[in-house]
Amino acid sequence: MEARAVALQKQLRCLVCQGESLDESNAPLAADLRGVIRERIAAGNSDQQVKQYLVDRYGDFILMKPPLKNETYLLWFAPLGLLVIGGAIVTAVVLGARNRAGRSTNPS
């Protein structure tokens, strides 16, 4: 039973820390959720039923690997979008600096 609980805790995200699993987190909410997992397992729930219970309460974000569906596109693609936007900003700044440097060394 303990092994099942730990395996589930590694698949679920701490809602406070967000970058850590429930197994890794020291947050009070994570401790509470670890207790809920153990209670649900003791009550005879399958791993899938425990996950579904937590997803119903907290949404797909609680899953370390949320499913790819319309509601979770932002979770999956926001990091990539931010990377692309950041790269575009850096490129624009560098090109702007080069253009200004080129104009100051070549007076017209």
PDB file of N, CA and C in Angstrom:
ATOM      1  N   MET A   1       0.826  -1.193   0.000  1.00  0.00           N
ATOM      2  CA  MET A   1       0.000   0.000   0.000  1.00  0.00           C
ATOM      3  C   MET A   1       0.872   1.260   0.000  1.00  0.00           C
ATOM      4  N   GLU A   2       1.938   1.237   0.786  1.00  0.00           N
ATOM      5  CA  GLU A   2       2.842   2.396   0.845  1.00  0.00           C
ATOM      6  C   GLU A   2       3.516   2.630  -0.500  1.00  0.00           C
ATOM      7  N   ALA A   3       3.920   1.543  -1.162  1.00  0.00           N
ATOM      8  CA  ALA A   3       4.575   1.671  -2.472  1.00  0.00           C
ATOM      9  C   ALA A   3       3.620   2.295  -3.489  1.00  0.00           C
ATOM     10  N   ARG A   4       2.354   1.908  -3.449  1.00  0.00           N
ATOM     11  CA  ARG A   4       1.360   2.502  -4.354  1.00  0.00           C
ATOM     12  C   ARG A   4       1.208   3.987  -4.068  1.00  0.00           C
ATOM     13  N   ALA A   5       1.147   4.346  -2.792  1.00  0.00           N
ATOM     14  CA  ALA A   5       0.986   5.751  -2.416  1.00  0.00           C
ATOM     15  C   ALA A   5       2.164   6.579  -2.915  1.00  0.00           C
ATOM     16  N   VAL A   6       3.381   6.082  -2.714  1.00  0.00           N
ATOM     17  CA  VAL A   6       4.577   6.815  -3.150  1.00  0.00           C
ATOM     18  C   VAL A   6       4.601   6.941  -4.673  1.00  0.00           C
ATOM     19  N   ALA A   7       4.247   5.876  -5.377  1.00  0.00           N
ATOM     20  CA  ALA A   7       4.216   5.930  -6.843  1.00  0.00           C
ATOM     21  C   ALA A   7       3.217   6.976  -7.330  1.00  0.00           C
ATOM     22  N   LEU A   8       2.055   7.047  -6.696  1.00  0.00           N
ATOM     23  CA  LEU A   8       1.059   8.058  -7.071  1.00  0.00           C
ATOM     24  C   LEU A   8       1.550   9.459  -6.746  1.00  0.00           C
ATOM     25  N   GLN A   9       2.172   9.624  -5.581  1.00  0.00           N
ATOM     26  CA  GLN A   9       2.675  10.938  -5.177  1.00  0.00           C
ATOM     27  C   GLN A   9       3.696  11.474  -6.166  1.00  0.00           C
ATOM     28  N   LYS A  10       4.443  10.600  -6.812  1.00  0.00           N
ATOM     29  CA  LYS A  10       5.443  11.030  -7.797  1.00  0.00           C
ATOM     30  C   LYS A  10       4.787  11.474  -9.107  1.00  0.00           C
ATOM     31  N   GLN A  11       3.556  11.037  -9.340  1.00  0.00           N
ATOM     32  CA  GLN A  11       2.847  11.381 -10.573  1.00  0.00           C
ATOM     33  C   GLN A  11       1.984  12.634 -10.426  1.00  0.00           C
ATOM     34  N   LEU A  12       1.890  13.146  -9.192  1.00  0.00           N
ATOM     35  CA  LEU A  12       1.015  14.284  -8.927  1.00  0.00           C
ATOM     36  C   LEU A  12       1.826  15.501  -8.492  1.00  0.00           C
ATOM     37  N   ARG A  13       1.426  16.664  -8.962  1.00  0.00           N
ATOM     38  CA  ARG A  13       2.138  17.917  -8.734  1.00  0.00           C
ATOM     39  C   ARG A  13       1.666  18.586  -7.447  1.00  0.00           C
ATOM     40  N   CYS A  14       2.610  19.176  -6.738  1.00  0.00           N
ATOM     41  CA  CYS A  14       2.268  20.006  -5.585  1.00  0.00           C
ATOM     42  C   CYS A  14       1.656  21.300  -6.121  1.00  0.00           C
ATOM     43  N   LEU A  15       0.498  21.637  -5.639  1.00  0.00           N
ATOM     44  CA  LEU A  15      -0.188  22.831  -6.132  1.00  0.00           C
ATOM     45  C   LEU A  15       0.417  24.119  -5.594  1.00  0.00           C
ATOM     46  N   VAL A  16       1.215  24.019  -4.539  1.00  0.00           N
ATOM     47  CA  VAL A  16       1.877  25.190  -3.962  1.00  0.00           C
ATOM     48  C   VAL A  16       3.227  25.398  -4.634  1.00  0.00           C
ATOM     49  N   CYS A  17       4.020  24.336  -4.708  1.00  0.00           N
ATOM     50  CA  CYS A  17       5.384  24.429  -5.259  1.00  0.00           C
ATOM     51  C   CYS A  17       5.383  24.428  -6.781  1.00  0.00           C
ATOM     52  N   GLN A  18       4.476  23.730  -7.390  1.00  0.00           N
ATOM     53  CA  GLN A  18       4.242  23.634  -8.818  1.00  0.00           C
ATOM     54  C   GLN A  18       5.366  22.994  -9.612  1.00  0.00           C
ATOM     55  N   GLY A  19       6.594  23.057  -9.142  1.00  0.00           N
ATOM     56  CA  GLY A  19       7.673  22.402  -9.871  1.00  0.00           C
ATOM     57  C   GLY A  19       8.062  21.081  -9.233  1.00  0.00           C
ATOM     58  N   GLU A  20       7.406  20.730  -8.153  1.00  0.00           N
ATOM     59  CA  GLU A  20       7.745  19.513  -7.424  1.00  0.00           C
ATOM     60  C   GLU A  20       6.537  18.581  -7.387  1.00  0.00           C
ATOM     61  N   SER A  21       6.835  17.301  -7.263  1.00  0.00           N
ATOM     62  CA  SER A  21       5.755  16.335  -7.078  1.00  0.00           C
ATOM     63  C   SER A  21       5.308  16.366  -5.621  1.00  0.00           C
ATOM     64  N   LEU A  22       4.182  15.747  -5.358  1.00  0.00           N
ATOM     65  CA  LEU A  22       3.714  15.655  -3.974  1.00  0.00           C
ATOM     66  C   LEU A  22       4.722  14.899  -3.112  1.00  0.00           C
ATOM     67  N   ASP A  23       5.431  13.966  -3.723  1.00  0.00           N
ATOM     68  CA  ASP A  23       6.418  13.175  -2.994  1.00  0.00           C
ATOM     69  C   ASP A  23       7.602  14.033  -2.555  1.00  0.00           C
ATOM     70  N   GLU A  24       7.983  15.019  -3.349  1.00  0.00           N
ATOM     71  CA  GLU A  24       9.152  15.855  -3.067  1.00  0.00           C
ATOM     72  C   GLU A  24       8.842  17.057  -2.181  1.00  0.00           C
ATOM     73  N   SER A  25       7.604  17.492  -2.172  1.00  0.00           N
ATOM     74  CA  SER A  25       7.240  18.759  -1.542  1.00  0.00           C
ATOM     75  C   SER A  25       7.113  18.651  -0.023  1.00  0.00           C
ATOM     76  N   ASN A  26       7.503  19.718   0.649  1.00  0.00           N
ATOM     77  CA  ASN A  26       7.338  19.825   2.099  1.00  0.00           C
ATOM     78  C   ASN A  26       6.187  20.756   2.470  1.00  0.00           C
ATOM     79  N   ALA A  27       5.445  21.237   1.489  1.00  0.00           N
ATOM     80  CA  ALA A  27       4.337  22.160   1.739  1.00  0.00           C
ATOM     81  C   ALA A  27       3.221  21.460   2.524  1.00  0.00           C
ATOM     82  N   PRO A  28       2.561  22.185   3.410  1.00  0.00           N
ATOM     83  CA  PRO A  28       1.459  21.587   4.181  1.00  0.00           C
ATOM     84  C   PRO A  28       0.355  20.994   3.296  1.00  0.00           C
ATOM     85  N   LEU A  29       0.026  21.664   2.187  1.00  0.00           N
ATOM     86  CA  LEU A  29      -0.994  21.131   1.291  1.00  0.00           C
ATOM     87  C   LEU A  29      -0.552  19.797   0.705  1.00  0.00           C
ATOM     88  N   ALA A  30       0.720  19.676   0.352  1.00  0.00           N
ATOM     89  CA  ALA A  30       1.232  18.413  -0.182  1.00  0.00           C
ATOM     90  C   ALA A  30       1.101  17.304   0.860  1.00  0.00           C
ATOM     91  N   ALA A  31       1.389  17.618   2.115  1.00  0.00           N
ATOM     92  CA  ALA A  31       1.240  16.627   3.191  1.00  0.00           C
ATOM     93  C   ALA A  31      -0.222  16.198   3.317  1.00  0.00           C
ATOM     94  N   ASP A  32      -1.128  17.162   3.218  1.00  0.00           N
ATOM     95  CA  ASP A  32      -2.560  16.839   3.275  1.00  0.00           C
ATOM     96  C   ASP A  32      -2.971  15.937   2.114  1.00  0.00           C
ATOM     97  N   LEU A  33      -2.479  16.250   0.924  1.00  0.00           N
ATOM     98  CA  LEU A  33      -2.832  15.448  -0.249  1.00  0.00           C
ATOM     99  C   LEU A  33      -2.222  14.048  -0.170  1.00  0.00           C
ATOM    100  N   ARG A  34      -1.031  13.939   0.394  1.00  0.00           N
ATOM    101  CA  ARG A  34      -0.455  12.600   0.606  1.00  0.00           C
ATOM    102  C   ARG A  34      -1.359  11.787   1.535  1.00  0.00           C
ATOM    103  N   GLY A  35      -1.921  12.451   2.550  1.00  0.00           N
ATOM    104  CA  GLY A  35      -2.864  11.776   3.440  1.00  0.00           C
ATOM    105  C   GLY A  35      -4.124  11.342   2.718  1.00  0.00           C
ATOM    106  N   VAL A  36      -4.632  12.201   1.834  1.00  0.00           N
ATOM    107  CA  VAL A  36      -5.824  11.868   1.046  1.00  0.00           C
ATOM    108  C   VAL A  36      -5.544  10.650   0.178  1.00  0.00           C
ATOM    109  N   ILE A  37      -4.373  10.612  -0.438  1.00  0.00           N
ATOM    110  CA  ILE A  37      -4.009   9.477  -1.289  1.00  0.00           C
ATOM    111  C   ILE A  37      -4.035   8.186  -0.473  1.00  0.00           C
ATOM    112  N   ARG A  38      -3.434   8.215   0.698  1.00  0.00           N
ATOM    113  CA  ARG A  38      -3.406   7.015   1.546  1.00  0.00           C
ATOM    114  C   ARG A  38      -4.815   6.611   1.992  1.00  0.00           C
ATOM    115  N   GLU A  39      -5.647   7.589   2.313  1.00  0.00           N
ATOM    116  CA  GLU A  39      -7.027   7.292   2.712  1.00  0.00           C
ATOM    117  C   GLU A  39      -7.802   6.633   1.577  1.00  0.00           C
ATOM    118  N   ARG A  40      -7.635   7.172   0.369  1.00  0.00           N
ATOM    119  CA  ARG A  40      -8.362   6.627  -0.786  1.00  0.00           C
ATOM    120  C   ARG A  40      -7.882   5.213  -1.111  1.00  0.00           C
ATOM    121  N   ILE A  41      -6.572   4.971  -0.993  1.00  0.00           N
ATOM    122  CA  ILE A  41      -6.048   3.621  -1.227  1.00  0.00           C
ATOM    123  C   ILE A  41      -6.588   2.664  -0.168  1.00  0.00           C
ATOM    124  N   ALA A  42      -6.589   3.098   1.092  1.00  0.00           N
ATOM    125  CA  ALA A  42      -7.100   2.260   2.181  1.00  0.00           C
ATOM    126  C   ALA A  42      -8.590   1.962   1.996  1.00  0.00           C
ATOM    127  N   ALA A  43      -9.310   2.892   1.355  1.00  0.00           N
ATOM    128  CA  ALA A  43     -10.737   2.696   1.107  1.00  0.00           C
ATOM    129  C   ALA A  43     -10.989   1.756  -0.068  1.00  0.00           C
ATOM    130  N   GLY A  44      -9.917   1.307  -0.722  1.00  0.00           N
ATOM    131  CA  GLY A  44     -10.061   0.355  -1.821  1.00  0.00           C
ATOM    132  C   GLY A  44     -10.073   0.957  -3.208  1.00  0.00           C
ATOM    133  N   ASN A  45      -9.784   2.253  -3.324  1.00  0.00           N
ATOM    134  CA  ASN A  45      -9.742   2.880  -4.653  1.00  0.00           C
ATOM    135  C   ASN A  45      -8.529   2.397  -5.440  1.00  0.00           C
ATOM    136  N   SER A  46      -8.710   2.264  -6.758  1.00  0.00           N
ATOM    137  CA  SER A  46      -7.585   1.955  -7.635  1.00  0.00           C
ATOM    138  C   SER A  46      -6.743   3.214  -7.821  1.00  0.00           C
ATOM    139  N   ASP A  47      -5.549   3.050  -8.374  1.00  0.00           N
ATOM    140  CA  ASP A  47      -4.692   4.210  -8.641  1.00  0.00           C
ATOM    141  C   ASP A  47      -5.411   5.210  -9.540  1.00  0.00           C
ATOM    142  N   GLN A  48      -6.083   4.699 -10.573  1.00  0.00           N
ATOM    143  CA  GLN A  48      -6.793   5.577 -11.503  1.00  0.00           C
ATOM    144  C   GLN A  48      -7.924   6.323 -10.799  1.00  0.00           C
ATOM    145  N   GLN A  49      -8.618   5.666  -9.883  1.00  0.00           N
ATOM    146  CA  GLN A  49      -9.701   6.322  -9.148  1.00  0.00           C
ATOM    147  C   GLN A  49      -9.153   7.430  -8.239  1.00  0.00           C
ATOM    148  N   VAL A  50      -7.998   7.179  -7.622  1.00  0.00           N
ATOM    149  CA  VAL A  50      -7.384   8.197  -6.770  1.00  0.00           C
ATOM    150  C   VAL A  50      -6.996   9.404  -7.608  1.00  0.00           C
ATOM    151  N   LYS A  51      -6.349   9.165  -8.757  1.00  0.00           N
ATOM    152  CA  LYS A  51      -5.969  10.265  -9.645  1.00  0.00           C
ATOM    153  C   LYS A  51      -7.201  11.040 -10.104  1.00  0.00           C
ATOM    154  N   GLN A  52      -8.238  10.319 -10.513  1.00  0.00           N
ATOM    155  CA  GLN A  52      -9.443  10.976 -11.009  1.00  0.00           C
ATOM    156  C   GLN A  52     -10.095  11.819  -9.916  1.00  0.00           C
ATOM    157  N   TYR A  53     -10.083  11.328  -8.688  1.00  0.00           N
ATOM    158  CA  TYR A  53     -10.623  12.085  -7.558  1.00  0.00           C
ATOM    159  C   TYR A  53      -9.888  13.414  -7.415  1.00  0.00           C
ATOM    160  N   LEU A  54      -8.561  13.371  -7.485  1.00  0.00           N
ATOM    161  CA  LEU A  54      -7.777  14.597  -7.336  1.00  0.00           C
ATOM    162  C   LEU A  54      -7.921  15.519  -8.544  1.00  0.00           C
ATOM    163  N   VAL A  55      -8.007  14.950  -9.740  1.00  0.00           N
ATOM    164  CA  VAL A  55      -8.221  15.761 -10.947  1.00  0.00           C
ATOM    165  C   VAL A  55      -9.589  16.435 -10.875  1.00  0.00           C
ATOM    166  N   ASP A  56     -10.598  15.723 -10.397  1.00  0.00           N
ATOM    167  CA  ASP A  56     -11.930  16.319 -10.272  1.00  0.00           C
ATOM    168  C   ASP A  56     -11.916  17.503  -9.304  1.00  0.00           C
ATOM    169  N   ARG A  57     -11.105  17.418  -8.271  1.00  0.00           N
ATOM    170  CA  ARG A  57     -11.042  18.496  -7.273  1.00  0.00           C
ATOM    171  C   ARG A  57     -10.131  19.638  -7.702  1.00  0.00           C
ATOM    172  N   TYR A  58      -8.997  19.330  -8.348  1.00  0.00           N
ATOM    173  CA  TYR A  58      -7.971  20.347  -8.610  1.00  0.00           C
ATOM    174  C   TYR A  58      -7.687  20.582 -10.092  1.00  0.00           C
ATOM    175  N   GLY A  59      -8.251  19.805 -10.968  1.00  0.00           N
ATOM    176  CA  GLY A  59      -8.024  19.977 -12.399  1.00  0.00           C
ATOM    177  C   GLY A  59      -6.801  19.194 -12.872  1.00  0.00           C
ATOM    178  N   ASP A  60      -6.600  19.195 -14.186  1.00  0.00           N
ATOM    179  CA  ASP A  60      -5.498  18.445 -14.796  1.00  0.00           C
ATOM    180  C   ASP A  60      -4.132  18.952 -14.372  1.00  0.00           C
ATOM    181  N   PHE A  61      -4.071  20.168 -13.860  1.00  0.00           N
ATOM    182  CA  PHE A  61      -2.786  20.740 -13.477  1.00  0.00           C
ATOM    183  C   PHE A  61      -2.109  19.938 -12.371  1.00  0.00           C
ATOM    184  N   ILE A  62      -2.874  19.191 -11.585  1.00  0.00           N
ATOM    185  CA  ILE A  62      -2.284  18.402 -10.504  1.00  0.00           C
ATOM    186  C   ILE A  62      -1.452  17.238 -11.047  1.00  0.00           C
ATOM    187  N   LEU A  63      -1.687  16.858 -12.280  1.00  0.00           N
ATOM    188  CA  LEU A  63      -0.926  15.758 -12.883  1.00  0.00           C
ATOM    189  C   LEU A  63       0.429  16.262 -13.356  1.00  0.00           C
ATOM    190  N   MET A  64       1.493  15.518 -13.039  1.00  0.00           N
ATOM    191  CA  MET A  64       2.824  15.903 -13.508  1.00  0.00           C
ATOM    192  C   MET A  64       2.890  15.855 -15.037  1.00  0.00           C
ATOM    193  N   LYS A  65       2.120  14.945 -15.641  1.00  0.00           N
ATOM    194  CA  LYS A  65       2.034  14.854 -17.098  1.00  0.00           C
ATOM    195  C   LYS A  65       0.562  14.969 -17.486  1.00  0.00           C
ATOM    196  N   PRO A  66       0.055  16.209 -17.571  1.00  0.00           N
ATOM    197  CA  PRO A  66      -1.365  16.368 -17.917  1.00  0.00           C
ATOM    198  C   PRO A  66      -1.645  15.867 -19.326  1.00  0.00           C
ATOM    199  N   PRO A  67      -2.852  15.360 -19.568  1.00  0.00           N
ATOM    200  CA  PRO A  67      -3.186  14.879 -20.912  1.00  0.00           C
ATOM    201  C   PRO A  67      -3.264  16.047 -21.887  1.00  0.00           C
ATOM    202  N   LEU A  68      -2.975  15.778 -23.140  1.00  0.00           N
ATOM    203  CA  LEU A  68      -3.053  16.808 -24.172  1.00  0.00           C
ATOM    204  C   LEU A  68      -4.495  16.880 -24.671  1.00  0.00           C
ATOM    205  N   LYS A  69      -5.184  17.942 -24.299  1.00  0.00           N
ATOM    206  CA  LYS A  69      -6.544  18.191 -24.757  1.00  0.00           C
ATOM    207  C   LYS A  69      -6.758  19.694 -24.768  1.00  0.00           C
ATOM    208  N   ASN A  70      -7.876  20.139 -25.288  1.00  0.00           N
ATOM    209  CA  ASN A  70      -8.125  21.574 -25.445  1.00  0.00           C
ATOM    210  C   ASN A  70      -7.868  22.362 -24.171  1.00  0.00           C
ATOM    211  N   GLU A  71      -8.278  21.821 -23.034  1.00  0.00           N
ATOM    212  CA  GLU A  71      -8.151  22.549 -21.775  1.00  0.00           C
ATOM    213  C   GLU A  71      -6.711  22.627 -21.282  1.00  0.00           C
ATOM    214  N   THR A  72      -5.823  21.765 -21.799  1.00  0.00           N
ATOM    215  CA  THR A  72      -4.448  21.739 -21.280  1.00  0.00           C
ATOM    216  C   THR A  72      -3.416  22.213 -22.294  1.00  0.00           C
ATOM    217  N   TYR A  73      -3.847  22.727 -23.434  1.00  0.00           N
ATOM    218  CA  TYR A  73      -2.880  23.238 -24.409  1.00  0.00           C
ATOM    219  C   TYR A  73      -1.957  24.277 -23.783  1.00  0.00           C
ATOM    220  N   LEU A  74      -2.505  25.147 -22.962  1.00  0.00           N
ATOM    221  CA  LEU A  74      -1.701  26.183 -22.322  1.00  0.00           C
ATOM    222  C   LEU A  74      -0.608  25.564 -21.445  1.00  0.00           C
ATOM    223  N   LEU A  75      -0.946  24.521 -20.693  1.00  0.00           N
ATOM    224  CA  LEU A  75       0.054  23.861 -19.845  1.00  0.00           C
ATOM    225  C   LEU A  75       1.194  23.278 -20.673  1.00  0.00           C
ATOM    226  N   TRP A  76       0.850  22.723 -21.831  1.00  0.00           N
ATOM    227  CA  TRP A  76       1.862  22.075 -22.665  1.00  0.00           C
ATOM    228  C   TRP A  76       2.668  23.067 -23.504  1.00  0.00           C
ATOM    229  N   PHE A  77       2.016  24.090 -24.044  1.00  0.00           N
ATOM    230  CA  PHE A  77       2.673  24.926 -25.041  1.00  0.00           C
ATOM    231  C   PHE A  77       3.086  26.313 -24.560  1.00  0.00           C
ATOM    232  N   ALA A  78       2.657  26.735 -23.389  1.00  0.00           N
ATOM    233  CA  ALA A  78       3.056  28.047 -22.875  1.00  0.00           C
ATOM    234  C   ALA A  78       4.577  28.169 -22.724  1.00  0.00           C
ATOM    235  N   PRO A  79       5.271  27.163 -22.188  1.00  0.00           N
ATOM    236  CA  PRO A  79       6.736  27.301 -22.088  1.00  0.00           C
ATOM    237  C   PRO A  79       7.398  27.489 -23.452  1.00  0.00           C
ATOM    238  N   LEU A  80       6.943  26.756 -24.453  1.00  0.00           N
ATOM    239  CA  LEU A  80       7.504  26.902 -25.800  1.00  0.00           C
ATOM    240  C   LEU A  80       7.192  28.289 -26.354  1.00  0.00           C
ATOM    241  N   GLY A  81       5.970  28.744 -26.153  1.00  0.00           N
ATOM    242  CA  GLY A  81       5.592  30.077 -26.626  1.00  0.00           C
ATOM    243  C   GLY A  81       6.415  31.167 -25.971  1.00  0.00           C
ATOM    244  N   LEU A  82       6.647  31.049 -24.665  1.00  0.00           N
ATOM    245  CA  LEU A  82       7.466  32.041 -23.961  1.00  0.00           C
ATOM    246  C   LEU A  82       8.909  32.021 -24.475  1.00  0.00           C
ATOM    247  N   LEU A  83       9.409  30.834 -24.774  1.00  0.00           N
ATOM    248  CA  LEU A  83      10.768  30.721 -25.319  1.00  0.00           C
ATOM    249  C   LEU A  83      10.868  31.403 -26.681  1.00  0.00           C
ATOM    250  N   VAL A  84       9.885  31.199 -27.532  1.00  0.00           N
ATOM    251  CA  VAL A  84       9.875  31.823 -28.857  1.00  0.00           C
ATOM    252  C   VAL A  84       9.776  33.347 -28.733  1.00  0.00           C
ATOM    253  N   ILE A  85       8.900  33.818 -27.874  1.00  0.00           N
ATOM    254  CA  ILE A  85       8.748  35.269 -27.672  1.00  0.00           C
ATOM    255  C   ILE A  85      10.038  35.866 -27.118  1.00  0.00           C
ATOM    256  N   GLY A  86      10.639  35.186 -26.144  1.00  0.00           N
ATOM    257  CA  GLY A  86      11.909  35.660 -25.581  1.00  0.00           C
ATOM    258  C   GLY A  86      13.002  35.718 -26.632  1.00  0.00           C
ATOM    259  N   GLY A  87      13.079  34.688 -27.484  1.00  0.00           N
ATOM    260  CA  GLY A  87      14.073  34.676 -28.557  1.00  0.00           C
ATOM    261  C   GLY A  87      13.852  35.810 -29.550  1.00  0.00           C
ATOM    262  N   ALA A  88      12.595  36.087 -29.862  1.00  0.00           N
ATOM    263  CA  ALA A  88      12.285  37.187 -30.785  1.00  0.00           C
ATOM    264  C   ALA A  88      12.688  38.529 -30.187  1.00  0.00           C
ATOM    265  N   ILE A  89      12.449  38.711 -28.896  1.00  0.00           N
ATOM    266  CA  ILE A  89      12.831  39.960 -28.236  1.00  0.00           C
ATOM    267  C   ILE A  89      14.343  40.121 -28.226  1.00  0.00           C
ATOM    268  N   VAL A  90      15.074  39.061 -27.890  1.00  0.00           N
ATOM    269  CA  VAL A  90      16.541  39.126 -27.875  1.00  0.00           C
ATOM    270  C   VAL A  90      17.068  39.424 -29.271  1.00  0.00           C
ATOM    271  N   THR A  91      16.511  38.782 -30.284  1.00  0.00           N
ATOM    272  CA  THR A  91      16.941  39.021 -31.660  1.00  0.00           C
ATOM    273  C   THR A  91      16.691  40.476 -32.056  1.00  0.00           C
ATOM    274  N   ALA A  92      15.526  41.003 -31.718  1.00  0.00           N
ATOM    275  CA  ALA A  92      15.207  42.397 -32.054  1.00  0.00           C
ATOM    276  C   ALA A  92      16.162  43.362 -31.356  1.00  0.00           C
ATOM    277  N   VAL A  93      16.488  43.107 -30.109  1.00  0.00           N
ATOM    278  CA  VAL A  93      17.398  43.984 -29.365  1.00  0.00           C
ATOM    279  C   VAL A  93      18.798  43.932 -29.965  1.00  0.00           C
ATOM    280  N   VAL A  94      19.276  42.729 -30.273  1.00  0.00           N
ATOM    281  CA  VAL A  94      20.626  42.591 -30.846  1.00  0.00           C
ATOM    282  C   VAL A  94      20.696  43.257 -32.214  1.00  0.00           C
ATOM    283  N   LEU A  95      19.705  43.018 -33.067  1.00  0.00           N
ATOM    284  CA  LEU A  95      19.714  43.644 -34.395  1.00  0.00           C
ATOM    285  C   LEU A  95      19.602  45.160 -34.293  1.00  0.00           C
ATOM    286  N   GLY A  96      18.799  45.653 -33.377  1.00  0.00           N
ATOM    287  CA  GLY A  96      18.683  47.096 -33.177  1.00  0.00           C
ATOM    288  C   GLY A  96      20.003  47.698 -32.717  1.00  0.00           C
ATOM    289  N   ALA A  97      20.699  47.008 -31.831  1.00  0.00           N
ATOM    290  CA  ALA A  97      21.993  47.496 -31.347  1.00  0.00           C
ATOM    291  C   ALA A  97      23.015  47.493 -32.479  1.00  0.00           C
ATOM    292  N   ARG A  98      22.989  46.466 -33.312  1.00  0.00           N
ATOM    293  CA  ARG A  98      23.925  46.416 -34.451  1.00  0.00           C
ATOM    294  C   ARG A  98      23.653  47.561 -35.426  1.00  0.00           C
ATOM    295  N   ASN A  99      22.382  47.812 -35.695  1.00  0.00           N
ATOM    296  CA  ASN A  99      22.028  48.902 -36.621  1.00  0.00           C
ATOM    297  C   ASN A  99      22.480  50.247 -36.069  1.00  0.00           C
ATOM    298  N   ARG A 100      22.270  50.479 -34.787  1.00  0.00           N
ATOM    299  CA  ARG A 100      22.704  51.741 -34.173  1.00  0.00           C
ATOM    300  C   ARG A 100      24.223  51.848 -34.189  1.00  0.00           C
ATOM    301  N   ALA A 101      24.917  50.737 -33.932  1.00  0.00           N
ATOM    302  CA  ALA A 101      26.386  50.745 -33.941  1.00  0.00           C
ATOM    303  C   ALA A 101      26.906  51.003 -35.359  1.00  0.00           C
ATOM    304  N   GLY A 102      26.245  50.410 -36.346  1.00  0.00           N
ATOM    305  CA  GLY A 102      26.646  50.588 -37.742  1.00  0.00           C
ATOM    306  C   GLY A 102      26.444  52.029 -38.199  1.00  0.00           C
ATOM    307  N   ARG A 103      25.391  52.686 -37.776  1.00  0.00           N
ATOM    308  CA  ARG A 103      25.126  54.066 -38.152  1.00  0.00           C
ATOM    309  C   ARG A 103      26.105  55.010 -37.483  1.00  0.00           C
ATOM    310  N   SER A 104      26.501  54.697 -36.249  1.00  0.00           N
ATOM    311  CA  SER A 104      27.435  55.618 -35.547  1.00  0.00           C
ATOM    312  C   SER A 104      28.850  55.508 -36.086  1.00  0.00           C
ATOM    313  N   THR A 105      29.243  54.370 -36.682  1.00  0.00           N
ATOM    314  CA  THR A 105      30.609  54.243 -37.235  1.00  0.00           C
ATOM    315  C   THR A 105      30.679  54.684 -38.702  1.00  0.00           C
ATOM    316  N   ASN A 106      29.544  54.746 -39.412  1.00  0.00           N
ATOM    317  CA  ASN A 106      29.503  55.162 -40.804  1.00  0.00           C
ATOM    318  C   ASN A 106      28.654  56.423 -40.938  1.00  0.00           C
ATOM    319  N   PRO A 107      29.231  57.590 -40.666  1.00  0.00           N
ATOM    320  CA  PRO A 107      28.432  58.824 -40.769  1.00  0.00           C
ATOM    321  C   PRO A 107      28.046  59.085 -42.215  1.00  0.00           C
ATOM    322  N   SER A 108      26.825  59.528 -42.437  1.00  0.00           N
ATOM    323  CA  SER A 108      26.333  59.776 -43.807  1.00  0.00           C
ATOM    324  C   SER A 108      26.565  61.175 -44.250  1.00  0.00           C
TER     325      SER A 108
END
